[in-house]
């Protein structure tokens, strides 16, 4: 394919630096990971946003977290219609093959996907309303949370909608039979988190109070 170019120089240099240091100092560990396969205890569904550094936030080494990223860290409802479902496939693999013990949805502040959805609802992002917009159709998953907050008739803060996105995703996870069965068998627990990028804060959803609270 003539339009595919070599790796950018800065990334190639960083790779060689990693290979000569981190990898070289831990070759036996990497061989073990390769030979024995992965055994992560948790799956985290996070936003694609480059400012959300999940493994660094939790001090995780390779092989510890099964990480899936998408726009606005959303999980769609279970729709076994034969189409392409990347997030659903990742969840299925984590729960049924890897048998993770924890499934975490991690939202964050200043989320562009959530902001775009809000603007679309207010009629200010017409490009996202087009049927040809992949982002526009994807972030429609947020609709139940938006309506729960009052929709266009309410003043909705960005962080409120970001947290509703986490809750919608947790609700949608329970529409997958294999997730529901694992939760009911106490083999899997679901968790909702939201992080404030600028302040470094982390909040969790407390099901008893129905609110997010500091970790």
N, C-alpha and C. Protein backbone atom coordinates (compact mmCIF):
# COMPACT_ATOMS: atom_id res chain seq x y z
N UNK A 1 0.84 -1.19 0.00
CA UNK A 1 0.00 0.00 0.00
C UNK A 1 0.89 1.25 0.00
N UNK A 2 0.82 1.99 -1.08
CA UNK A 2 1.75 3.09 -1.28
C UNK A 2 1.53 4.26 -0.33
N UNK A 3 0.35 4.37 0.25
CA UNK A 3 0.07 5.51 1.14
C UNK A 3 0.48 5.26 2.59
N UNK A 4 1.07 4.10 2.89
CA UNK A 4 1.52 3.80 4.25
C UNK A 4 2.98 4.17 4.39
N UNK A 5 3.29 4.98 5.39
CA UNK A 5 4.65 5.51 5.56
C UNK A 5 5.36 4.83 6.74
N UNK A 6 6.70 4.94 6.81
CA UNK A 6 7.46 4.39 7.95
C UNK A 6 7.07 5.08 9.25
N UNK A 7 7.42 4.46 10.35
CA UNK A 7 7.13 5.01 11.67
C UNK A 7 7.79 6.37 11.83
N UNK A 8 7.09 7.37 12.42
CA UNK A 8 7.72 8.68 12.66
C UNK A 8 9.01 8.53 13.46
N UNK A 9 9.99 9.37 13.16
CA UNK A 9 11.31 9.25 13.77
C UNK A 9 11.27 9.30 15.29
N UNK A 10 10.46 10.21 15.85
CA UNK A 10 10.45 10.34 17.31
C UNK A 10 9.93 9.08 17.99
N UNK A 11 8.97 8.38 17.35
CA UNK A 11 8.46 7.13 17.92
C UNK A 11 9.47 6.01 17.77
N UNK A 12 10.16 5.97 16.65
CA UNK A 12 11.20 4.95 16.46
C UNK A 12 12.31 5.12 17.48
N UNK A 13 12.71 6.35 17.75
CA UNK A 13 13.76 6.61 18.73
C UNK A 13 13.32 6.20 20.13
N UNK A 14 12.08 6.48 20.47
CA UNK A 14 11.58 6.10 21.78
C UNK A 14 11.49 4.58 21.92
N UNK A 15 11.11 3.92 20.82
CA UNK A 15 11.08 2.46 20.86
C UNK A 15 12.48 1.90 21.14
N UNK A 16 13.49 2.38 20.43
CA UNK A 16 14.85 1.88 20.62
C UNK A 16 15.34 2.15 22.04
N UNK A 17 14.93 3.29 22.61
CA UNK A 17 15.29 3.59 23.99
C UNK A 17 14.67 2.61 24.95
N UNK A 18 13.37 2.31 24.73
CA UNK A 18 12.67 1.34 25.58
C UNK A 18 13.28 -0.05 25.43
N UNK A 19 13.60 -0.45 24.20
CA UNK A 19 14.14 -1.77 23.95
C UNK A 19 15.50 -1.95 24.61
N UNK A 20 16.29 -0.88 24.65
CA UNK A 20 17.64 -0.95 25.20
C UNK A 20 17.66 -0.86 26.73
N UNK A 21 16.58 -0.40 27.32
CA UNK A 21 16.55 -0.21 28.78
C UNK A 21 15.51 -1.12 29.44
N UNK A 22 14.25 -0.71 29.40
CA UNK A 22 13.19 -1.44 30.09
C UNK A 22 13.10 -2.89 29.64
N UNK A 23 13.06 -3.12 28.33
CA UNK A 23 12.95 -4.48 27.84
C UNK A 23 14.22 -5.28 28.15
N UNK A 24 15.37 -4.68 27.88
CA UNK A 24 16.63 -5.38 28.08
C UNK A 24 16.83 -5.79 29.53
N UNK A 25 16.37 -4.96 30.47
CA UNK A 25 16.54 -5.25 31.90
C UNK A 25 15.52 -6.27 32.42
N UNK A 26 14.48 -6.55 31.62
CA UNK A 26 13.41 -7.44 32.08
C UNK A 26 13.05 -8.51 31.05
N UNK A 27 14.05 -9.01 30.34
CA UNK A 27 13.79 -9.96 29.27
C UNK A 27 13.07 -11.21 29.75
N UNK A 28 13.46 -11.71 30.91
CA UNK A 28 12.83 -12.94 31.40
C UNK A 28 11.35 -12.73 31.70
N UNK A 29 11.01 -11.55 32.19
CA UNK A 29 9.61 -11.24 32.48
C UNK A 29 8.79 -11.19 31.19
N UNK A 30 9.33 -10.58 30.18
CA UNK A 30 8.61 -10.49 28.91
C UNK A 30 8.48 -11.86 28.25
N UNK A 31 9.50 -12.70 28.38
CA UNK A 31 9.40 -14.07 27.85
C UNK A 31 8.30 -14.84 28.56
N UNK A 32 8.22 -14.63 29.86
CA UNK A 32 7.19 -15.32 30.64
C UNK A 32 5.79 -14.87 30.22
N UNK A 33 5.62 -13.56 30.01
CA UNK A 33 4.34 -13.04 29.54
C UNK A 33 3.96 -13.66 28.20
N UNK A 34 4.94 -13.75 27.31
CA UNK A 34 4.70 -14.29 25.98
C UNK A 34 4.35 -15.77 26.03
N UNK A 35 5.07 -16.51 26.87
CA UNK A 35 4.88 -17.97 26.92
C UNK A 35 3.63 -18.38 27.69
N UNK A 36 3.35 -17.69 28.79
CA UNK A 36 2.25 -18.10 29.66
C UNK A 36 0.94 -17.39 29.35
N UNK A 37 0.99 -16.33 28.53
CA UNK A 37 -0.22 -15.59 28.20
C UNK A 37 -0.59 -14.58 29.27
N UNK A 38 -1.64 -13.83 29.01
CA UNK A 38 -2.06 -12.78 29.95
C UNK A 38 -3.06 -13.31 30.96
N UNK A 39 -2.97 -12.78 32.18
CA UNK A 39 -3.92 -13.12 33.24
C UNK A 39 -4.33 -11.86 34.00
N UNK A 40 -4.88 -10.89 33.31
CA UNK A 40 -5.27 -9.66 34.00
C UNK A 40 -6.44 -9.89 34.94
N UNK A 41 -6.42 -9.21 36.07
CA UNK A 41 -7.53 -9.34 37.02
C UNK A 41 -8.65 -8.36 36.71
N UNK A 42 -8.33 -7.30 35.95
CA UNK A 42 -9.32 -6.26 35.69
C UNK A 42 -9.32 -5.85 34.23
N UNK A 43 -10.50 -5.50 33.75
CA UNK A 43 -10.64 -4.84 32.47
C UNK A 43 -11.07 -3.41 32.75
N UNK A 44 -10.44 -2.45 32.06
CA UNK A 44 -10.83 -1.05 32.18
C UNK A 44 -11.26 -0.54 30.81
N UNK A 45 -12.45 0.03 30.76
CA UNK A 45 -12.94 0.67 29.54
C UNK A 45 -12.75 2.17 29.72
N UNK A 46 -11.86 2.73 28.93
CA UNK A 46 -11.46 4.12 29.09
C UNK A 46 -11.68 4.88 27.79
N UNK A 47 -11.59 6.19 27.87
CA UNK A 47 -11.71 7.03 26.68
C UNK A 47 -10.41 6.99 25.87
N UNK A 48 -10.52 7.26 24.57
CA UNK A 48 -9.34 7.33 23.71
C UNK A 48 -8.45 8.53 24.05
N UNK A 49 -8.98 9.48 24.81
CA UNK A 49 -8.27 10.72 25.12
C UNK A 49 -6.84 10.43 25.59
N UNK A 50 -5.88 11.05 24.93
CA UNK A 50 -4.47 10.79 25.23
C UNK A 50 -4.05 11.28 26.61
N UNK A 51 -4.87 12.12 27.23
CA UNK A 51 -4.53 12.63 28.56
C UNK A 51 -4.88 11.64 29.67
N UNK A 52 -5.65 10.62 29.34
CA UNK A 52 -6.04 9.61 30.33
C UNK A 52 -5.04 8.45 30.26
N UNK A 53 -4.09 8.44 31.18
CA UNK A 53 -3.01 7.45 31.18
C UNK A 53 -3.34 6.38 32.21
N UNK A 54 -4.12 5.41 31.80
CA UNK A 54 -4.69 4.44 32.74
C UNK A 54 -3.63 3.62 33.47
N UNK A 55 -2.69 3.05 32.74
CA UNK A 55 -1.70 2.19 33.39
C UNK A 55 -0.83 2.98 34.35
N UNK A 56 -0.52 4.21 34.01
CA UNK A 56 0.28 5.05 34.91
C UNK A 56 -0.52 5.41 36.16
N UNK A 57 -1.80 5.70 35.97
CA UNK A 57 -2.66 6.09 37.09
C UNK A 57 -2.73 5.00 38.16
N UNK A 58 -2.78 3.75 37.71
CA UNK A 58 -2.91 2.64 38.65
C UNK A 58 -1.59 1.89 38.86
N UNK A 59 -0.50 2.43 38.36
CA UNK A 59 0.81 1.80 38.55
C UNK A 59 0.87 0.39 38.01
N UNK A 60 0.19 0.16 36.89
CA UNK A 60 0.07 -1.19 36.35
C UNK A 60 1.22 -1.54 35.41
N UNK A 61 1.70 -2.75 35.54
CA UNK A 61 2.72 -3.27 34.64
C UNK A 61 2.03 -4.00 33.50
N UNK A 62 2.80 -4.39 32.50
CA UNK A 62 2.23 -5.14 31.38
C UNK A 62 1.63 -6.46 31.88
N UNK A 63 0.48 -6.79 31.33
CA UNK A 63 -0.18 -8.03 31.71
C UNK A 63 -1.15 -7.90 32.87
N UNK A 64 -1.24 -6.71 33.48
CA UNK A 64 -2.09 -6.56 34.66
C UNK A 64 -3.49 -6.04 34.36
N UNK A 65 -3.64 -5.22 33.30
CA UNK A 65 -4.93 -4.63 32.98
C UNK A 65 -5.28 -4.91 31.53
N UNK A 66 -6.47 -5.42 31.30
CA UNK A 66 -6.99 -5.58 29.95
C UNK A 66 -7.69 -4.27 29.62
N UNK A 67 -7.07 -3.47 28.77
CA UNK A 67 -7.52 -2.09 28.54
C UNK A 67 -8.18 -1.95 27.19
N UNK A 68 -9.37 -1.37 27.20
CA UNK A 68 -10.09 -1.06 25.95
C UNK A 68 -10.43 0.42 25.94
N UNK A 69 -10.10 1.09 24.84
CA UNK A 69 -10.39 2.52 24.71
C UNK A 69 -11.39 2.75 23.57
N UNK A 70 -12.27 3.69 23.77
CA UNK A 70 -13.13 4.16 22.69
C UNK A 70 -13.54 5.60 22.97
N UNK A 71 -14.29 6.21 22.06
CA UNK A 71 -14.73 7.58 22.25
C UNK A 71 -15.68 7.66 23.45
N UNK A 72 -15.29 8.47 24.44
CA UNK A 72 -16.11 8.75 25.63
C UNK A 72 -16.35 7.55 26.52
N UNK A 73 -15.48 6.53 26.43
CA UNK A 73 -15.55 5.35 27.30
C UNK A 73 -16.97 4.79 27.42
N UNK A 74 -17.62 4.63 26.28
CA UNK A 74 -19.00 4.17 26.28
C UNK A 74 -19.12 2.68 25.99
N UNK A 75 -20.13 2.06 26.56
CA UNK A 75 -20.47 0.67 26.26
C UNK A 75 -21.86 0.66 25.66
N UNK A 76 -22.04 0.11 24.48
CA UNK A 76 -23.37 0.04 23.88
C UNK A 76 -24.18 -1.08 24.52
N UNK A 77 -25.49 -1.08 24.33
CA UNK A 77 -26.28 -2.22 24.80
C UNK A 77 -25.97 -3.45 23.96
N UNK A 78 -26.28 -4.60 24.50
CA UNK A 78 -26.04 -5.86 23.79
C UNK A 78 -26.92 -5.93 22.55
N UNK A 79 -26.29 -6.03 21.38
CA UNK A 79 -27.03 -6.10 20.11
C UNK A 79 -26.38 -7.15 19.21
N UNK A 80 -26.71 -8.43 19.41
CA UNK A 80 -26.11 -9.51 18.61
C UNK A 80 -26.72 -9.58 17.22
N UNK A 81 -26.39 -8.59 16.38
CA UNK A 81 -27.01 -8.48 15.06
C UNK A 81 -26.08 -8.88 13.92
N UNK A 82 -24.90 -9.39 14.24
CA UNK A 82 -23.99 -9.82 13.20
C UNK A 82 -23.12 -8.72 12.63
N UNK A 83 -23.29 -7.47 13.11
CA UNK A 83 -22.46 -6.37 12.64
C UNK A 83 -21.14 -6.32 13.42
N UNK A 84 -20.34 -5.30 13.15
CA UNK A 84 -19.05 -5.15 13.82
C UNK A 84 -19.26 -4.43 15.16
N UNK A 85 -18.78 -5.03 16.24
CA UNK A 85 -18.96 -4.45 17.58
C UNK A 85 -17.65 -4.59 18.35
N UNK A 86 -16.76 -3.62 18.21
CA UNK A 86 -15.45 -3.71 18.85
C UNK A 86 -15.49 -3.73 20.36
N UNK A 87 -16.26 -2.82 20.95
CA UNK A 87 -16.33 -2.76 22.41
C UNK A 87 -17.00 -4.00 22.98
N UNK A 88 -18.08 -4.44 22.34
CA UNK A 88 -18.77 -5.63 22.81
C UNK A 88 -17.88 -6.86 22.72
N UNK A 89 -17.08 -6.93 21.64
CA UNK A 89 -16.16 -8.06 21.49
C UNK A 89 -15.11 -8.05 22.58
N UNK A 90 -14.60 -6.86 22.93
CA UNK A 90 -13.59 -6.76 23.98
C UNK A 90 -14.16 -7.20 25.33
N UNK A 91 -15.39 -6.77 25.62
CA UNK A 91 -16.04 -7.17 26.87
C UNK A 91 -16.25 -8.68 26.91
N UNK A 92 -16.73 -9.23 25.81
CA UNK A 92 -16.96 -10.67 25.74
C UNK A 92 -15.67 -11.45 26.00
N UNK A 93 -14.58 -11.02 25.37
CA UNK A 93 -13.32 -11.73 25.54
C UNK A 93 -12.81 -11.62 26.97
N UNK A 94 -12.93 -10.43 27.55
CA UNK A 94 -12.45 -10.23 28.92
C UNK A 94 -13.20 -11.09 29.92
N UNK A 95 -14.52 -11.18 29.74
CA UNK A 95 -15.35 -11.89 30.71
C UNK A 95 -15.35 -13.39 30.49
N UNK A 96 -15.46 -13.83 29.24
CA UNK A 96 -15.62 -15.26 28.98
C UNK A 96 -14.31 -16.00 28.77
N UNK A 97 -13.30 -15.33 28.23
CA UNK A 97 -12.02 -16.01 27.97
C UNK A 97 -10.99 -15.71 29.06
N UNK A 98 -10.81 -14.43 29.37
CA UNK A 98 -9.82 -14.06 30.38
C UNK A 98 -10.38 -14.21 31.80
N UNK A 99 -11.69 -14.16 31.91
CA UNK A 99 -12.38 -14.29 33.21
C UNK A 99 -11.86 -13.27 34.22
N UNK A 100 -11.86 -12.01 33.83
CA UNK A 100 -11.45 -10.94 34.74
C UNK A 100 -12.40 -10.89 35.93
N UNK A 101 -11.89 -10.42 37.05
CA UNK A 101 -12.71 -10.32 38.26
C UNK A 101 -13.39 -8.97 38.40
N UNK A 102 -12.83 -7.95 37.74
CA UNK A 102 -13.35 -6.59 37.86
C UNK A 102 -13.49 -5.97 36.47
N UNK A 103 -14.61 -5.32 36.24
CA UNK A 103 -14.84 -4.61 34.99
C UNK A 103 -15.13 -3.16 35.34
N UNK A 104 -14.25 -2.28 34.90
CA UNK A 104 -14.27 -0.88 35.32
C UNK A 104 -14.52 0.03 34.14
N UNK A 105 -15.47 0.97 34.29
CA UNK A 105 -15.68 2.02 33.30
C UNK A 105 -15.11 3.30 33.89
N UNK A 106 -14.15 3.89 33.17
CA UNK A 106 -13.44 5.08 33.67
C UNK A 106 -13.75 6.29 32.80
N UNK A 107 -14.52 7.23 33.34
CA UNK A 107 -14.79 8.49 32.66
C UNK A 107 -13.79 9.55 33.08
N UNK A 108 -13.85 10.71 32.44
CA UNK A 108 -12.87 11.75 32.78
C UNK A 108 -13.41 13.15 32.48
N UNK A 109 -12.78 14.14 33.08
CA UNK A 109 -13.15 15.53 32.87
C UNK A 109 -12.73 16.01 31.49
N UNK A 110 -13.38 17.08 31.03
CA UNK A 110 -13.06 17.71 29.74
C UNK A 110 -13.11 16.71 28.58
N UNK A 111 -14.08 15.81 28.62
CA UNK A 111 -14.19 14.78 27.59
C UNK A 111 -14.77 15.38 26.31
N UNK A 112 -14.02 15.32 25.24
CA UNK A 112 -14.46 15.89 23.98
C UNK A 112 -15.67 15.18 23.40
N UNK A 113 -15.74 13.86 23.58
CA UNK A 113 -16.88 13.10 23.07
C UNK A 113 -18.17 13.49 23.76
N UNK A 114 -18.12 13.63 25.08
CA UNK A 114 -19.30 14.03 25.84
C UNK A 114 -19.69 15.46 25.50
N UNK A 115 -18.70 16.34 25.39
CA UNK A 115 -18.96 17.73 25.01
C UNK A 115 -19.60 17.79 23.63
N UNK A 116 -19.10 16.99 22.70
CA UNK A 116 -19.65 16.97 21.35
C UNK A 116 -21.11 16.52 21.34
N UNK A 117 -21.41 15.51 22.15
CA UNK A 117 -22.79 15.04 22.24
C UNK A 117 -23.70 16.14 22.77
N UNK A 118 -23.25 16.83 23.80
CA UNK A 118 -24.06 17.91 24.39
C UNK A 118 -24.30 19.00 23.35
N UNK A 119 -23.26 19.38 22.64
CA UNK A 119 -23.39 20.42 21.62
C UNK A 119 -24.33 19.97 20.51
N UNK A 120 -24.26 18.70 20.14
CA UNK A 120 -25.16 18.17 19.11
C UNK A 120 -26.62 18.27 19.56
N UNK A 121 -26.86 17.93 20.82
CA UNK A 121 -28.22 18.00 21.34
C UNK A 121 -28.76 19.43 21.34
N UNK A 122 -27.85 20.38 21.51
CA UNK A 122 -28.25 21.80 21.53
C UNK A 122 -28.29 22.40 20.13
N UNK A 123 -27.98 21.60 19.12
CA UNK A 123 -28.01 22.08 17.75
C UNK A 123 -26.78 22.85 17.32
N UNK A 124 -25.69 22.69 18.07
CA UNK A 124 -24.47 23.47 17.78
C UNK A 124 -23.35 22.65 17.13
N UNK A 125 -23.60 21.40 16.82
CA UNK A 125 -22.58 20.55 16.19
C UNK A 125 -23.27 19.75 15.08
N UNK A 126 -23.62 20.45 14.03
CA UNK A 126 -24.42 19.84 12.96
C UNK A 126 -23.70 18.69 12.28
N UNK A 127 -22.35 18.76 12.24
CA UNK A 127 -21.61 17.68 11.59
C UNK A 127 -21.79 16.35 12.32
N UNK A 128 -22.01 16.40 13.63
CA UNK A 128 -22.21 15.18 14.40
C UNK A 128 -23.63 14.62 14.25
N UNK A 129 -24.53 15.45 13.74
CA UNK A 129 -25.90 15.00 13.53
C UNK A 129 -26.05 14.26 12.20
N UNK A 130 -25.05 14.33 11.35
CA UNK A 130 -25.10 13.64 10.07
C UNK A 130 -25.02 12.13 10.27
N UNK A 131 -25.78 11.40 9.49
CA UNK A 131 -25.76 9.93 9.59
C UNK A 131 -24.41 9.35 9.19
N UNK A 132 -23.61 10.13 8.46
CA UNK A 132 -22.30 9.65 8.02
C UNK A 132 -21.22 9.83 9.09
N UNK A 133 -21.56 10.46 10.21
CA UNK A 133 -20.58 10.69 11.27
C UNK A 133 -20.50 9.48 12.20
N UNK A 134 -19.39 8.80 12.18
CA UNK A 134 -19.19 7.66 13.08
C UNK A 134 -19.23 8.12 14.54
N UNK A 135 -18.58 9.26 14.82
CA UNK A 135 -18.56 9.77 16.18
C UNK A 135 -19.98 10.15 16.62
N UNK A 136 -20.71 10.83 15.73
CA UNK A 136 -22.06 11.26 16.08
C UNK A 136 -22.97 10.12 16.44
N UNK A 137 -22.89 9.03 15.67
CA UNK A 137 -23.76 7.88 15.95
C UNK A 137 -23.32 7.17 17.23
N UNK A 138 -22.01 7.09 17.45
CA UNK A 138 -21.50 6.40 18.63
C UNK A 138 -21.92 7.09 19.91
N UNK A 139 -21.76 8.41 19.96
CA UNK A 139 -22.05 9.13 21.21
C UNK A 139 -23.54 9.22 21.49
N UNK A 140 -24.39 8.78 20.55
CA UNK A 140 -25.82 8.71 20.84
C UNK A 140 -26.12 7.71 21.97
N UNK A 141 -25.14 6.87 22.28
CA UNK A 141 -25.29 5.95 23.42
C UNK A 141 -25.58 6.73 24.70
N UNK A 142 -25.17 7.99 24.74
CA UNK A 142 -25.34 8.84 25.92
C UNK A 142 -26.77 9.32 26.14
N UNK A 143 -27.65 9.14 25.16
CA UNK A 143 -28.99 9.72 25.24
C UNK A 143 -29.74 9.43 26.53
N UNK A 144 -29.76 8.17 27.02
CA UNK A 144 -30.51 7.92 28.26
C UNK A 144 -30.00 8.75 29.45
N UNK A 145 -28.70 8.92 29.54
CA UNK A 145 -28.14 9.72 30.62
C UNK A 145 -28.49 11.19 30.49
N UNK A 146 -28.46 11.68 29.27
CA UNK A 146 -28.81 13.08 29.00
C UNK A 146 -30.27 13.34 29.36
N UNK A 147 -31.14 12.43 28.98
CA UNK A 147 -32.56 12.59 29.28
C UNK A 147 -32.81 12.47 30.79
N UNK A 148 -32.04 11.65 31.45
CA UNK A 148 -32.18 11.48 32.90
C UNK A 148 -31.83 12.78 33.63
N UNK A 149 -30.94 13.56 33.03
CA UNK A 149 -30.55 14.84 33.63
C UNK A 149 -31.48 15.98 33.24
N UNK A 150 -32.48 15.68 32.42
CA UNK A 150 -33.44 16.71 32.04
C UNK A 150 -33.40 17.12 30.59
N UNK A 151 -32.41 16.61 29.84
CA UNK A 151 -32.31 16.90 28.42
C UNK A 151 -32.15 18.37 28.12
N UNK A 152 -32.72 18.82 27.01
CA UNK A 152 -32.57 20.21 26.58
C UNK A 152 -33.28 21.20 27.48
N UNK A 153 -34.11 20.70 28.38
CA UNK A 153 -34.84 21.59 29.28
C UNK A 153 -34.06 21.92 30.55
N UNK A 154 -32.86 21.38 30.66
CA UNK A 154 -32.09 21.57 31.90
C UNK A 154 -30.70 22.15 31.62
N UNK A 155 -30.16 22.82 32.62
CA UNK A 155 -28.77 23.28 32.58
C UNK A 155 -27.91 22.12 33.05
N UNK A 156 -27.15 21.53 32.15
CA UNK A 156 -26.38 20.33 32.48
C UNK A 156 -24.89 20.66 32.43
N UNK A 157 -24.20 20.42 33.53
CA UNK A 157 -22.75 20.63 33.58
C UNK A 157 -22.05 19.48 32.88
N UNK A 158 -20.89 19.78 32.30
CA UNK A 158 -20.15 18.75 31.57
C UNK A 158 -19.83 17.55 32.45
N UNK A 159 -19.39 17.80 33.69
CA UNK A 159 -19.01 16.68 34.54
C UNK A 159 -20.21 15.82 34.92
N UNK A 160 -21.39 16.42 35.00
CA UNK A 160 -22.60 15.64 35.27
C UNK A 160 -22.86 14.65 34.13
N UNK A 161 -22.72 15.14 32.89
CA UNK A 161 -22.97 14.29 31.74
C UNK A 161 -21.88 13.24 31.58
N UNK A 162 -20.65 13.60 31.91
CA UNK A 162 -19.55 12.63 31.87
C UNK A 162 -19.81 11.47 32.82
N UNK A 163 -20.30 11.79 34.00
CA UNK A 163 -20.58 10.75 34.99
C UNK A 163 -21.81 9.93 34.59
N UNK A 164 -22.78 10.57 33.96
CA UNK A 164 -23.94 9.83 33.45
C UNK A 164 -23.51 8.84 32.37
N UNK A 165 -22.49 9.23 31.58
CA UNK A 165 -21.97 8.33 30.57
C UNK A 165 -21.42 7.05 31.20
N UNK A 166 -20.78 7.19 32.34
CA UNK A 166 -20.27 6.02 33.06
C UNK A 166 -21.43 5.15 33.51
N UNK A 167 -22.48 5.77 34.02
CA UNK A 167 -23.62 5.01 34.52
C UNK A 167 -24.38 4.32 33.39
N UNK A 168 -24.54 5.01 32.27
CA UNK A 168 -25.19 4.38 31.11
C UNK A 168 -24.40 3.15 30.67
N UNK A 169 -23.08 3.26 30.67
CA UNK A 169 -22.24 2.14 30.26
C UNK A 169 -22.37 0.97 31.23
N UNK A 170 -22.43 1.26 32.52
CA UNK A 170 -22.60 0.20 33.51
C UNK A 170 -23.96 -0.48 33.33
N UNK A 171 -24.98 0.30 33.07
CA UNK A 171 -26.31 -0.27 32.82
C UNK A 171 -26.29 -1.15 31.57
N UNK A 172 -25.63 -0.68 30.52
CA UNK A 172 -25.58 -1.44 29.28
C UNK A 172 -24.78 -2.73 29.44
N UNK A 173 -23.76 -2.71 30.29
CA UNK A 173 -22.99 -3.93 30.53
C UNK A 173 -23.89 -5.05 31.04
N UNK A 174 -24.86 -4.71 31.85
CA UNK A 174 -25.75 -5.73 32.41
C UNK A 174 -26.76 -6.28 31.40
N UNK A 175 -26.78 -5.71 30.19
CA UNK A 175 -27.64 -6.28 29.15
C UNK A 175 -26.95 -7.44 28.43
N UNK A 176 -25.65 -7.63 28.68
CA UNK A 176 -24.94 -8.76 28.09
C UNK A 176 -25.15 -9.98 28.99
N UNK A 177 -25.72 -11.05 28.48
CA UNK A 177 -26.01 -12.21 29.33
C UNK A 177 -24.80 -12.75 30.07
N UNK A 178 -23.64 -12.79 29.40
CA UNK A 178 -22.45 -13.35 30.06
C UNK A 178 -21.93 -12.44 31.17
N UNK A 179 -22.16 -11.14 31.05
CA UNK A 179 -21.80 -10.22 32.14
C UNK A 179 -22.76 -10.39 33.29
N UNK A 180 -24.04 -10.39 32.99
CA UNK A 180 -25.06 -10.53 34.04
C UNK A 180 -24.89 -11.84 34.80
N UNK A 181 -24.62 -12.92 34.07
CA UNK A 181 -24.45 -14.22 34.73
C UNK A 181 -23.23 -14.22 35.66
N UNK A 182 -22.13 -13.61 35.19
CA UNK A 182 -20.92 -13.58 36.01
C UNK A 182 -21.10 -12.71 37.24
N UNK A 183 -21.83 -11.59 37.09
CA UNK A 183 -22.09 -10.72 38.24
C UNK A 183 -22.97 -11.44 39.25
N UNK A 184 -24.03 -12.08 38.78
CA UNK A 184 -24.95 -12.78 39.68
C UNK A 184 -24.30 -13.96 40.37
N UNK A 185 -23.29 -14.55 39.71
CA UNK A 185 -22.55 -15.67 40.31
C UNK A 185 -21.41 -15.18 41.20
N UNK A 186 -21.31 -13.86 41.36
CA UNK A 186 -20.26 -13.22 42.17
C UNK A 186 -18.87 -13.58 41.67
N UNK A 187 -18.74 -13.77 40.37
CA UNK A 187 -17.45 -14.00 39.75
C UNK A 187 -16.89 -12.72 39.12
N UNK A 188 -17.73 -11.68 39.03
CA UNK A 188 -17.36 -10.43 38.39
C UNK A 188 -18.03 -9.28 39.13
N UNK A 189 -17.27 -8.20 39.32
CA UNK A 189 -17.85 -7.00 39.91
C UNK A 189 -17.67 -5.83 38.95
N UNK A 190 -18.67 -4.96 38.91
CA UNK A 190 -18.64 -3.78 38.05
C UNK A 190 -18.30 -2.54 38.87
N UNK A 191 -17.56 -1.62 38.26
CA UNK A 191 -17.14 -0.41 38.97
C UNK A 191 -17.22 0.78 38.02
N UNK A 192 -17.65 1.92 38.55
CA UNK A 192 -17.68 3.15 37.78
C UNK A 192 -16.75 4.18 38.40
N UNK A 193 -15.86 4.75 37.59
CA UNK A 193 -14.91 5.75 38.06
C UNK A 193 -14.96 6.99 37.16
N UNK A 194 -14.56 8.11 37.74
CA UNK A 194 -14.43 9.36 36.98
C UNK A 194 -13.20 10.09 37.51
N UNK A 195 -12.33 10.52 36.60
CA UNK A 195 -11.10 11.20 37.03
C UNK A 195 -11.08 12.64 36.53
N UNK A 196 -10.62 13.52 37.39
CA UNK A 196 -10.42 14.93 37.06
C UNK A 196 -8.98 15.09 36.59
N UNK A 197 -8.79 15.29 35.30
CA UNK A 197 -7.44 15.33 34.73
C UNK A 197 -6.59 16.44 35.36
N UNK A 198 -7.16 17.62 35.46
CA UNK A 198 -6.38 18.76 35.95
C UNK A 198 -6.04 18.69 37.42
N UNK A 199 -6.94 18.12 38.23
CA UNK A 199 -6.73 18.06 39.68
C UNK A 199 -6.13 16.73 40.13
N UNK A 200 -6.12 15.73 39.24
CA UNK A 200 -5.60 14.42 39.63
C UNK A 200 -6.52 13.66 40.54
N UNK A 201 -7.78 14.07 40.61
CA UNK A 201 -8.73 13.40 41.49
C UNK A 201 -9.34 12.16 40.85
N UNK A 202 -9.82 11.27 41.69
CA UNK A 202 -10.48 10.05 41.22
C UNK A 202 -11.70 9.81 42.08
N UNK A 203 -12.86 9.64 41.45
CA UNK A 203 -14.11 9.38 42.15
C UNK A 203 -14.69 8.04 41.72
N UNK A 204 -15.41 7.41 42.62
CA UNK A 204 -16.07 6.14 42.31
C UNK A 204 -17.56 6.29 42.51
N UNK A 205 -18.32 5.48 41.77
CA UNK A 205 -19.77 5.52 41.94
C UNK A 205 -20.17 4.65 43.12
N UNK A 206 -20.83 5.26 44.10
CA UNK A 206 -21.30 4.56 45.29
C UNK A 206 -22.76 4.18 45.06
N UNK A 207 -23.02 2.91 44.86
CA UNK A 207 -24.38 2.45 44.56
C UNK A 207 -25.33 2.70 45.73
N UNK A 208 -24.81 2.76 46.96
CA UNK A 208 -25.69 2.96 48.11
C UNK A 208 -26.23 4.37 48.17
N UNK A 209 -25.40 5.34 47.79
CA UNK A 209 -25.84 6.75 47.82
C UNK A 209 -26.33 7.22 46.46
N UNK A 210 -25.97 6.49 45.39
CA UNK A 210 -26.33 6.91 44.06
C UNK A 210 -25.53 8.10 43.57
N UNK A 211 -24.35 8.32 44.19
CA UNK A 211 -23.52 9.46 43.82
C UNK A 211 -22.05 9.03 43.67
N UNK A 212 -21.27 9.89 43.03
CA UNK A 212 -19.84 9.68 42.94
C UNK A 212 -19.16 10.30 44.16
N UNK A 213 -18.16 9.63 44.68
CA UNK A 213 -17.44 10.10 45.86
C UNK A 213 -15.94 9.89 45.66
N UNK A 214 -15.10 10.66 46.34
CA UNK A 214 -13.64 10.52 46.19
C UNK A 214 -13.17 9.12 46.61
N UNK A 215 -12.23 8.58 45.86
CA UNK A 215 -11.64 7.28 46.22
C UNK A 215 -10.77 7.46 47.45
